[in-house]
């Protein structure tokens, strides 16, 4: 059994790697563009989209002050950065919101 690799096989593998790296760069740029276009905050609908909770859960958590929010014009406003940090780190719950 011959386990040797030919120069052509190596060159073909290198071309595939270069093509994959190029595609990865494109995808990274698309991701950056999408992040810039995504909303950074909103109301209950926004909180539902970010957390995956149904409507009642964010409302209950607001009344219990167990979710990051602030009141603007008499309505809770949720910020993406706070919700994402809150979902990743349970100690983030210890902050007082409002």
PDB file of N, CA and C in Angstrom:
ATOM      1  N   UNK A   1       0.840  -1.183   0.000  1.00  0.00           N
ATOM      2  CA  UNK A   1       0.000   0.000   0.000  1.00  0.00           C
ATOM      3  C   UNK A   1       0.885   1.246   0.000  1.00  0.00           C
ATOM      4  N   UNK A   2       0.637   2.137  -0.931  1.00  0.00           N
ATOM      5  CA  UNK A   2       1.445   3.329  -1.091  1.00  0.00           C
ATOM      6  C   UNK A   2       0.707   4.512  -0.479  1.00  0.00           C
ATOM      7  N   UNK A   3       1.298   5.124   0.569  1.00  0.00           N
ATOM      8  CA  UNK A   3       0.671   6.253   1.260  1.00  0.00           C
ATOM      9  C   UNK A   3       1.257   7.592   0.834  1.00  0.00           C
ATOM     10  N   UNK A   4       2.000   7.634  -0.238  1.00  0.00           N
ATOM     11  CA  UNK A   4       2.625   8.884  -0.655  1.00  0.00           C
ATOM     12  C   UNK A   4       1.598   9.788  -1.339  1.00  0.00           C
ATOM     13  N   UNK A   5       1.821  11.085  -1.186  1.00  0.00           N
ATOM     14  CA  UNK A   5       0.939  12.092  -1.781  1.00  0.00           C
ATOM     15  C   UNK A   5       1.711  12.778  -2.892  1.00  0.00           C
ATOM     16  N   UNK A   6       1.069  12.977  -4.014  1.00  0.00           N
ATOM     17  CA  UNK A   6       1.748  13.619  -5.149  1.00  0.00           C
ATOM     18  C   UNK A   6       1.731  15.136  -4.989  1.00  0.00           C
ATOM     19  N   UNK A   7       2.610  15.784  -5.689  1.00  0.00           N
ATOM     20  CA  UNK A   7       2.690  17.236  -5.675  1.00  0.00           C
ATOM     21  C   UNK A   7       1.372  17.851  -6.161  1.00  0.00           C
ATOM     22  N   UNK A   8       0.763  17.235  -7.167  1.00  0.00           N
ATOM     23  CA  UNK A   8      -0.506  17.747  -7.690  1.00  0.00           C
ATOM     24  C   UNK A   8      -1.620  17.678  -6.628  1.00  0.00           C
ATOM     25  N   UNK A   9      -1.625  16.616  -5.834  1.00  0.00           N
ATOM     26  CA  UNK A   9      -2.633  16.490  -4.782  1.00  0.00           C
ATOM     27  C   UNK A   9      -2.442  17.567  -3.712  1.00  0.00           C
ATOM     28  N   UNK A  10      -1.188  17.858  -3.402  1.00  0.00           N
ATOM     29  CA  UNK A  10      -0.894  18.909  -2.425  1.00  0.00           C
ATOM     30  C   UNK A  10      -1.331  20.268  -2.968  1.00  0.00           C
ATOM     31  N   UNK A  11      -1.002  20.532  -4.234  1.00  0.00           N
ATOM     32  CA  UNK A  11      -1.386  21.805  -4.848  1.00  0.00           C
ATOM     33  C   UNK A  11      -2.905  21.954  -4.897  1.00  0.00           C
ATOM     34  N   UNK A  12      -3.602  20.885  -5.201  1.00  0.00           N
ATOM     35  CA  UNK A  12      -5.069  20.905  -5.244  1.00  0.00           C
ATOM     36  C   UNK A  12      -5.624  21.200  -3.849  1.00  0.00           C
ATOM     37  N   UNK A  13      -5.076  20.578  -2.821  1.00  0.00           N
ATOM     38  CA  UNK A  13      -5.519  20.809  -1.444  1.00  0.00           C
ATOM     39  C   UNK A  13      -5.263  22.254  -1.023  1.00  0.00           C
ATOM     40  N   UNK A  14      -4.117  22.797  -1.407  1.00  0.00           N
ATOM     41  CA  UNK A  14      -3.784  24.187  -1.068  1.00  0.00           C
ATOM     42  C   UNK A  14      -4.768  25.138  -1.753  1.00  0.00           C
ATOM     43  N   UNK A  15      -5.106  24.889  -3.013  1.00  0.00           N
ATOM     44  CA  UNK A  15      -6.082  25.735  -3.717  1.00  0.00           C
ATOM     45  C   UNK A  15      -7.437  25.709  -3.011  1.00  0.00           C
ATOM     46  N   UNK A  16      -7.852  24.538  -2.552  1.00  0.00           N
ATOM     47  CA  UNK A  16      -9.118  24.430  -1.828  1.00  0.00           C
ATOM     48  C   UNK A  16      -9.077  25.217  -0.515  1.00  0.00           C
ATOM     49  N   UNK A  17      -7.953  25.140   0.178  1.00  0.00           N
ATOM     50  CA  UNK A  17      -7.812  25.873   1.435  1.00  0.00           C
ATOM     51  C   UNK A  17      -7.865  27.381   1.185  1.00  0.00           C
ATOM     52  N   UNK A  18      -7.181  27.833   0.149  1.00  0.00           N
ATOM     53  CA  UNK A  18      -7.192  29.256  -0.190  1.00  0.00           C
ATOM     54  C   UNK A  18      -8.615  29.699  -0.539  1.00  0.00           C
ATOM     55  N   UNK A  19      -9.339  28.893  -1.300  1.00  0.00           N
ATOM     56  CA  UNK A  19     -10.714  29.224  -1.658  1.00  0.00           C
ATOM     57  C   UNK A  19     -11.597  29.273  -0.406  1.00  0.00           C
ATOM     58  N   UNK A  20     -11.413  28.344   0.505  1.00  0.00           N
ATOM     59  CA  UNK A  20     -12.198  28.333   1.752  1.00  0.00           C
ATOM     60  C   UNK A  20     -11.882  29.557   2.612  1.00  0.00           C
ATOM     61  N   UNK A  21     -10.609  29.938   2.682  1.00  0.00           N
ATOM     62  CA  UNK A  21     -10.235  31.125   3.441  1.00  0.00           C
ATOM     63  C   UNK A  21     -10.868  32.375   2.845  1.00  0.00           C
ATOM     64  N   UNK A  22     -10.902  32.449   1.534  1.00  0.00           N
ATOM     65  CA  UNK A  22     -11.518  33.583   0.859  1.00  0.00           C
ATOM     66  C   UNK A  22     -13.014  33.646   1.167  1.00  0.00           C
ATOM     67  N   UNK A  23     -13.666  32.501   1.093  1.00  0.00           N
ATOM     68  CA  UNK A  23     -15.107  32.447   1.395  1.00  0.00           C
ATOM     69  C   UNK A  23     -15.362  32.807   2.854  1.00  0.00           C
ATOM     70  N   UNK A  24     -14.507  32.372   3.753  1.00  0.00           N
ATOM     71  CA  UNK A  24     -14.642  32.699   5.161  1.00  0.00           C
ATOM     72  C   UNK A  24     -14.532  34.205   5.378  1.00  0.00           C
ATOM     73  N   UNK A  25     -13.589  34.845   4.695  1.00  0.00           N
ATOM     74  CA  UNK A  25     -13.450  36.301   4.777  1.00  0.00           C
ATOM     75  C   UNK A  25     -14.730  36.998   4.313  1.00  0.00           C
ATOM     76  N   UNK A  26     -15.313  36.511   3.212  1.00  0.00           N
ATOM     77  CA  UNK A  26     -16.569  37.081   2.707  1.00  0.00           C
ATOM     78  C   UNK A  26     -17.679  36.944   3.741  1.00  0.00           C
ATOM     79  N   UNK A  27     -17.789  35.776   4.333  1.00  0.00           N
ATOM     80  CA  UNK A  27     -18.832  35.541   5.335  1.00  0.00           C
ATOM     81  C   UNK A  27     -18.633  36.417   6.570  1.00  0.00           C
ATOM     82  N   UNK A  28     -17.394  36.615   6.976  1.00  0.00           N
ATOM     83  CA  UNK A  28     -17.126  37.487   8.112  1.00  0.00           C
ATOM     84  C   UNK A  28     -17.564  38.921   7.808  1.00  0.00           C
ATOM     85  N   UNK A  29     -17.300  39.396   6.608  1.00  0.00           N
ATOM     86  CA  UNK A  29     -17.709  40.745   6.222  1.00  0.00           C
ATOM     87  C   UNK A  29     -19.241  40.856   6.182  1.00  0.00           C
ATOM     88  N   UNK A  30     -19.915  39.828   5.691  1.00  0.00           N
ATOM     89  CA  UNK A  30     -21.373  39.831   5.680  1.00  0.00           C
ATOM     90  C   UNK A  30     -21.923  39.851   7.094  1.00  0.00           C
ATOM     91  N   UNK A  31     -21.299  39.106   7.993  1.00  0.00           N
ATOM     92  CA  UNK A  31     -21.729  39.072   9.387  1.00  0.00           C
ATOM     93  C   UNK A  31     -21.586  40.448  10.014  1.00  0.00           C
ATOM     94  N   UNK A  32     -20.482  41.111   9.763  1.00  0.00           N
ATOM     95  CA  UNK A  32     -20.271  42.461  10.298  1.00  0.00           C
ATOM     96  C   UNK A  32     -21.347  43.406   9.774  1.00  0.00           C
ATOM     97  N   UNK A  33     -21.662  43.312   8.490  1.00  0.00           N
ATOM     98  CA  UNK A  33     -22.702  44.167   7.904  1.00  0.00           C
ATOM     99  C   UNK A  33     -24.059  43.883   8.523  1.00  0.00           C
ATOM    100  N   UNK A  34     -24.371  42.614   8.725  1.00  0.00           N
ATOM    101  CA  UNK A  34     -25.658  42.263   9.324  1.00  0.00           C
ATOM    102  C   UNK A  34     -25.763  42.758  10.760  1.00  0.00           C
ATOM    103  N   UNK A  35     -24.698  42.632  11.514  1.00  0.00           N
ATOM    104  CA  UNK A  35     -24.714  43.106  12.899  1.00  0.00           C
ATOM    105  C   UNK A  35     -24.997  44.592  12.964  1.00  0.00           C
ATOM    106  N   UNK A  36     -24.455  45.347  12.017  1.00  0.00           N
ATOM    107  CA  UNK A  36     -24.682  46.787  12.000  1.00  0.00           C
ATOM    108  C   UNK A  36     -26.128  47.122  11.682  1.00  0.00           C
ATOM    109  N   UNK A  37     -26.800  46.256  10.935  1.00  0.00           N
ATOM    110  CA  UNK A  37     -28.169  46.542  10.525  1.00  0.00           C
ATOM    111  C   UNK A  37     -29.210  46.002  11.515  1.00  0.00           C
ATOM    112  N   UNK A  38     -28.787  45.198  12.482  1.00  0.00           N
ATOM    113  CA  UNK A  38     -29.717  44.606  13.438  1.00  0.00           C
ATOM    114  C   UNK A  38     -30.042  45.620  14.522  1.00  0.00           C
ATOM    115  N   UNK A  39     -31.295  45.641  14.937  1.00  0.00           N
ATOM    116  CA  UNK A  39     -31.724  46.561  15.980  1.00  0.00           C
ATOM    117  C   UNK A  39     -30.932  46.341  17.262  1.00  0.00           C
ATOM    118  N   UNK A  40     -30.678  47.423  17.977  1.00  0.00           N
ATOM    119  CA  UNK A  40     -29.936  47.319  19.238  1.00  0.00           C
ATOM    120  C   UNK A  40     -30.852  47.314  20.446  1.00  0.00           C
ATOM    121  N   UNK A  41     -32.127  47.614  20.241  1.00  0.00           N
ATOM    122  CA  UNK A  41     -33.047  47.623  21.372  1.00  0.00           C
ATOM    123  C   UNK A  41     -34.484  47.756  20.916  1.00  0.00           C
ATOM    124  N   UNK A  42     -35.396  47.566  21.871  1.00  0.00           N
ATOM    125  CA  UNK A  42     -36.813  47.687  21.557  1.00  0.00           C
ATOM    126  C   UNK A  42     -37.686  47.286  22.728  1.00  0.00           C
ATOM    127  N   UNK A  43     -38.958  47.058  22.438  1.00  0.00           N
ATOM    128  CA  UNK A  43     -39.943  46.722  23.454  1.00  0.00           C
ATOM    129  C   UNK A  43     -40.062  45.223  23.688  1.00  0.00           C
ATOM    130  N   UNK A  44     -41.268  44.826  24.124  1.00  0.00           N
ATOM    131  CA  UNK A  44     -41.481  43.415  24.447  1.00  0.00           C
ATOM    132  C   UNK A  44     -41.236  42.490  23.249  1.00  0.00           C
ATOM    133  N   UNK A  45     -41.642  42.913  22.054  1.00  0.00           N
ATOM    134  CA  UNK A  45     -41.405  42.084  20.863  1.00  0.00           C
ATOM    135  C   UNK A  45     -39.910  41.837  20.668  1.00  0.00           C
ATOM    136  N   UNK A  46     -39.126  42.883  20.879  1.00  0.00           N
ATOM    137  CA  UNK A  46     -37.670  42.766  20.756  1.00  0.00           C
ATOM    138  C   UNK A  46     -37.135  41.784  21.794  1.00  0.00           C
ATOM    139  N   UNK A  47     -37.590  41.899  23.045  1.00  0.00           N
ATOM    140  CA  UNK A  47     -37.143  40.993  24.115  1.00  0.00           C
ATOM    141  C   UNK A  47     -37.513  39.549  23.787  1.00  0.00           C
ATOM    142  N   UNK A  48     -38.690  39.346  23.218  1.00  0.00           N
ATOM    143  CA  UNK A  48     -39.106  37.990  22.813  1.00  0.00           C
ATOM    144  C   UNK A  48     -38.158  37.434  21.756  1.00  0.00           C
ATOM    145  N   UNK A  49     -37.826  38.247  20.763  1.00  0.00           N
ATOM    146  CA  UNK A  49     -36.939  37.788  19.685  1.00  0.00           C
ATOM    147  C   UNK A  49     -35.556  37.419  20.222  1.00  0.00           C
ATOM    148  N   UNK A  50     -35.020  38.224  21.107  1.00  0.00           N
ATOM    149  CA  UNK A  50     -33.669  38.000  21.620  1.00  0.00           C
ATOM    150  C   UNK A  50     -33.624  36.806  22.571  1.00  0.00           C
ATOM    151  N   UNK A  51     -34.585  36.728  23.481  1.00  0.00           N
ATOM    152  CA  UNK A  51     -34.543  35.693  24.520  1.00  0.00           C
ATOM    153  C   UNK A  51     -35.195  34.390  24.097  1.00  0.00           C
ATOM    154  N   UNK A  52     -36.144  34.458  23.162  1.00  0.00           N
ATOM    155  CA  UNK A  52     -36.892  33.262  22.786  1.00  0.00           C
ATOM    156  C   UNK A  52     -38.075  33.000  23.710  1.00  0.00           C
ATOM    157  N   UNK A  53     -38.291  33.889  24.676  1.00  0.00           N
ATOM    158  CA  UNK A  53     -39.427  33.744  25.597  1.00  0.00           C
ATOM    159  C   UNK A  53     -40.729  34.123  24.903  1.00  0.00           C
ATOM    160  N   UNK A  54     -41.852  33.639  25.449  1.00  0.00           N
ATOM    161  CA  UNK A  54     -43.141  34.119  24.967  1.00  0.00           C
ATOM    162  C   UNK A  54     -43.431  35.476  25.611  1.00  0.00           C
ATOM    163  N   UNK A  55     -44.497  36.120  25.214  1.00  0.00           N
ATOM    164  CA  UNK A  55     -44.802  37.498  25.647  1.00  0.00           C
ATOM    165  C   UNK A  55     -44.909  37.635  27.168  1.00  0.00           C
ATOM    166  N   UNK A  56     -45.521  36.677  27.824  1.00  0.00           N
ATOM    167  CA  UNK A  56     -45.750  36.812  29.262  1.00  0.00           C
ATOM    168  C   UNK A  56     -44.467  36.779  30.080  1.00  0.00           C
ATOM    169  N   UNK A  57     -43.474  36.045  29.628  1.00  0.00           N
ATOM    170  CA  UNK A  57     -42.256  35.891  30.425  1.00  0.00           C
ATOM    171  C   UNK A  57     -41.513  37.210  30.602  1.00  0.00           C
ATOM    172  N   UNK A  58     -41.209  37.971  29.537  1.00  0.00           N
ATOM    173  CA  UNK A  58     -40.554  39.261  29.771  1.00  0.00           C
ATOM    174  C   UNK A  58     -41.408  40.201  30.638  1.00  0.00           C
ATOM    175  N   UNK A  59     -42.720  40.179  30.455  1.00  0.00           N
ATOM    176  CA  UNK A  59     -43.581  41.030  31.283  1.00  0.00           C
ATOM    177  C   UNK A  59     -43.472  40.649  32.752  1.00  0.00           C
ATOM    178  N   UNK A  60     -43.511  39.352  33.038  1.00  0.00           N
ATOM    179  CA  UNK A  60     -43.380  38.896  34.423  1.00  0.00           C
ATOM    180  C   UNK A  60     -42.013  39.250  34.991  1.00  0.00           C
ATOM    181  N   UNK A  61     -40.978  39.070  34.202  1.00  0.00           N
ATOM    182  CA  UNK A  61     -39.623  39.358  34.678  1.00  0.00           C
ATOM    183  C   UNK A  61     -39.415  40.852  34.905  1.00  0.00           C
ATOM    184  N   UNK A  62     -40.069  41.693  34.114  1.00  0.00           N
ATOM    185  CA  UNK A  62     -40.001  43.139  34.346  1.00  0.00           C
ATOM    186  C   UNK A  62     -40.659  43.470  35.678  1.00  0.00           C
ATOM    187  N   UNK A  63     -41.835  42.910  35.928  1.00  0.00           N
ATOM    188  CA  UNK A  63     -42.533  43.221  37.177  1.00  0.00           C
ATOM    189  C   UNK A  63     -41.754  42.730  38.394  1.00  0.00           C
ATOM    190  N   UNK A  64     -40.942  41.679  38.205  1.00  0.00           N
ATOM    191  CA  UNK A  64     -40.123  41.138  39.299  1.00  0.00           C
ATOM    192  C   UNK A  64     -38.711  41.739  39.298  1.00  0.00           C
ATOM    193  N   UNK A  65     -38.441  42.631  38.352  1.00  0.00           N
ATOM    194  CA  UNK A  65     -37.109  43.228  38.172  1.00  0.00           C
ATOM    195  C   UNK A  65     -36.030  42.160  38.025  1.00  0.00           C
ATOM    196  N   UNK A  66     -36.330  41.163  37.191  1.00  0.00           N
ATOM    197  CA  UNK A  66     -35.395  40.053  36.964  1.00  0.00           C
ATOM    198  C   UNK A  66     -34.892  39.988  35.527  1.00  0.00           C
ATOM    199  N   UNK A  67     -35.032  41.078  34.812  1.00  0.00           N
ATOM    200  CA  UNK A  67     -34.558  41.157  33.433  1.00  0.00           C
ATOM    201  C   UNK A  67     -34.045  42.575  33.209  1.00  0.00           C
ATOM    202  N   UNK A  68     -32.975  42.746  32.460  1.00  0.00           N
ATOM    203  CA  UNK A  68     -32.468  44.108  32.240  1.00  0.00           C
ATOM    204  C   UNK A  68     -33.395  44.919  31.328  1.00  0.00           C
ATOM    205  N   UNK A  69     -33.810  46.066  31.818  1.00  0.00           N
ATOM    206  CA  UNK A  69     -34.685  46.961  31.065  1.00  0.00           C
ATOM    207  C   UNK A  69     -34.579  48.345  31.672  1.00  0.00           C
ATOM    208  N   UNK A  70     -35.156  49.309  30.978  1.00  0.00           N
ATOM    209  CA  UNK A  70     -35.344  50.643  31.538  1.00  0.00           C
ATOM    210  C   UNK A  70     -36.640  51.194  30.970  1.00  0.00           C
ATOM    211  N   UNK A  71     -37.287  52.059  31.722  1.00  0.00           N
ATOM    212  CA  UNK A  71     -38.520  52.661  31.237  1.00  0.00           C
ATOM    213  C   UNK A  71     -38.199  53.891  30.420  1.00  0.00           C
ATOM    214  N   UNK A  72     -38.792  53.955  29.242  1.00  0.00           N
ATOM    215  CA  UNK A  72     -38.717  55.141  28.395  1.00  0.00           C
ATOM    216  C   UNK A  72     -40.122  55.470  27.956  1.00  0.00           C
ATOM    217  N   UNK A  73     -40.523  56.670  28.243  1.00  0.00           N
ATOM    218  CA  UNK A  73     -41.870  57.131  27.906  1.00  0.00           C
ATOM    219  C   UNK A  73     -42.930  56.190  28.473  1.00  0.00           C
ATOM    220  N   UNK A  74     -42.676  55.678  29.674  1.00  0.00           N
ATOM    221  CA  UNK A  74     -43.639  54.839  30.370  1.00  0.00           C
ATOM    222  C   UNK A  74     -43.691  53.387  29.914  1.00  0.00           C
ATOM    223  N   UNK A  75     -42.775  52.990  29.041  1.00  0.00           N
ATOM    224  CA  UNK A  75     -42.765  51.609  28.553  1.00  0.00           C
ATOM    225  C   UNK A  75     -41.387  51.006  28.757  1.00  0.00           C
ATOM    226  N   UNK A  76     -41.331  49.692  29.037  1.00  0.00           N
ATOM    227  CA  UNK A  76     -40.014  49.051  29.166  1.00  0.00           C
ATOM    228  C   UNK A  76     -39.283  49.024  27.832  1.00  0.00           C
ATOM    229  N   UNK A  77     -38.008  49.304  27.893  1.00  0.00           N
ATOM    230  CA  UNK A  77     -37.140  49.219  26.717  1.00  0.00           C
ATOM    231  C   UNK A  77     -36.013  48.252  27.060  1.00  0.00           C
ATOM    232  N   UNK A  78     -35.751  47.351  26.138  1.00  0.00           N
ATOM    233  CA  UNK A  78     -34.722  46.329  26.317  1.00  0.00           C
ATOM    234  C   UNK A  78     -33.583  46.609  25.356  1.00  0.00           C
ATOM    235  N   UNK A  79     -32.373  46.525  25.856  1.00  0.00           N
ATOM    236  CA  UNK A  79     -31.191  46.715  25.023  1.00  0.00           C
ATOM    237  C   UNK A  79     -30.557  45.353  24.743  1.00  0.00           C
ATOM    238  N   UNK A  80     -30.195  45.130  23.476  1.00  0.00           N
ATOM    239  CA  UNK A  80     -29.603  43.860  23.054  1.00  0.00           C
ATOM    240  C   UNK A  80     -28.387  43.499  23.903  1.00  0.00           C
ATOM    241  N   UNK A  81     -27.484  44.437  24.093  1.00  0.00           N
ATOM    242  CA  UNK A  81     -26.245  44.143  24.811  1.00  0.00           C
ATOM    243  C   UNK A  81     -26.531  43.655  26.237  1.00  0.00           C
ATOM    244  N   UNK A  82     -27.510  44.266  26.905  1.00  0.00           N
ATOM    245  CA  UNK A  82     -27.853  43.855  28.271  1.00  0.00           C
ATOM    246  C   UNK A  82     -28.555  42.492  28.294  1.00  0.00           C
ATOM    247  N   UNK A  83     -29.458  42.280  27.352  1.00  0.00           N
ATOM    248  CA  UNK A  83     -30.161  40.987  27.312  1.00  0.00           C
ATOM    249  C   UNK A  83     -29.188  39.845  27.025  1.00  0.00           C
ATOM    250  N   UNK A  84     -28.283  40.047  26.081  1.00  0.00           N
ATOM    251  CA  UNK A  84     -27.328  38.984  25.752  1.00  0.00           C
ATOM    252  C   UNK A  84     -26.403  38.699  26.927  1.00  0.00           C
ATOM    253  N   UNK A  85     -25.939  39.742  27.609  1.00  0.00           N
ATOM    254  CA  UNK A  85     -25.079  39.535  28.781  1.00  0.00           C
ATOM    255  C   UNK A  85     -25.854  38.841  29.898  1.00  0.00           C
ATOM    256  N   UNK A  86     -27.099  39.217  30.080  1.00  0.00           N
ATOM    257  CA  UNK A  86     -27.964  38.626  31.109  1.00  0.00           C
ATOM    258  C   UNK A  86     -28.195  37.143  30.833  1.00  0.00           C
ATOM    259  N   UNK A  87     -28.390  36.770  29.571  1.00  0.00           N
ATOM    260  CA  UNK A  87     -28.628  35.367  29.245  1.00  0.00           C
ATOM    261  C   UNK A  87     -27.362  34.528  29.425  1.00  0.00           C
ATOM    262  N   UNK A  88     -26.191  35.126  29.232  1.00  0.00           N
ATOM    263  CA  UNK A  88     -24.935  34.388  29.363  1.00  0.00           C
ATOM    264  C   UNK A  88     -24.462  34.265  30.806  1.00  0.00           C
ATOM    265  N   UNK A  89     -24.795  35.249  31.648  1.00  0.00           N
ATOM    266  CA  UNK A  89     -24.228  35.311  32.992  1.00  0.00           C
ATOM    267  C   UNK A  89     -25.342  35.521  34.011  1.00  0.00           C
ATOM    268  N   UNK A  90     -25.625  34.501  34.798  1.00  0.00           N
ATOM    269  CA  UNK A  90     -26.723  34.596  35.758  1.00  0.00           C
ATOM    270  C   UNK A  90     -26.477  35.662  36.817  1.00  0.00           C
ATOM    271  N   UNK A  91     -25.223  36.006  37.115  1.00  0.00           N
ATOM    272  CA  UNK A  91     -24.971  37.046  38.119  1.00  0.00           C
ATOM    273  C   UNK A  91     -25.371  38.417  37.588  1.00  0.00           C
ATOM    274  N   UNK A  92     -25.557  38.524  36.282  1.00  0.00           N
ATOM    275  CA  UNK A  92     -26.035  39.762  35.690  1.00  0.00           C
ATOM    276  C   UNK A  92     -27.438  40.072  36.212  1.00  0.00           C
ATOM    277  N   UNK A  93     -28.178  39.057  36.684  1.00  0.00           N
ATOM    278  CA  UNK A  93     -29.516  39.224  37.225  1.00  0.00           C
ATOM    279  C   UNK A  93     -29.522  40.069  38.499  1.00  0.00           C
ATOM    280  N   UNK A  94     -28.389  40.134  39.185  1.00  0.00           N
ATOM    281  CA  UNK A  94     -28.351  40.799  40.481  1.00  0.00           C
ATOM    282  C   UNK A  94     -28.456  42.317  40.370  1.00  0.00           C
ATOM    283  N   UNK A  95     -28.302  42.847  39.186  1.00  0.00           N
ATOM    284  CA  UNK A  95     -28.403  44.302  39.027  1.00  0.00           C
ATOM    285  C   UNK A  95     -29.854  44.738  39.150  1.00  0.00           C
ATOM    286  N   UNK A  96     -30.048  45.929  39.656  1.00  0.00           N
ATOM    287  CA  UNK A  96     -31.394  46.495  39.757  1.00  0.00           C
ATOM    288  C   UNK A  96     -31.713  47.216  38.461  1.00  0.00           C
ATOM    289  N   UNK A  97     -32.854  46.917  37.877  1.00  0.00           N
ATOM    290  CA  UNK A  97     -33.233  47.500  36.582  1.00  0.00           C
ATOM    291  C   UNK A  97     -34.329  48.514  36.766  1.00  0.00           C
ATOM    292  N   UNK A  98     -34.229  49.566  36.025  1.00  0.00           N
ATOM    293  CA  UNK A  98     -35.269  50.571  35.892  1.00  0.00           C
ATOM    294  C   UNK A  98     -34.690  51.917  35.677  1.00  0.00           C
TER     295      UNK A  98
END
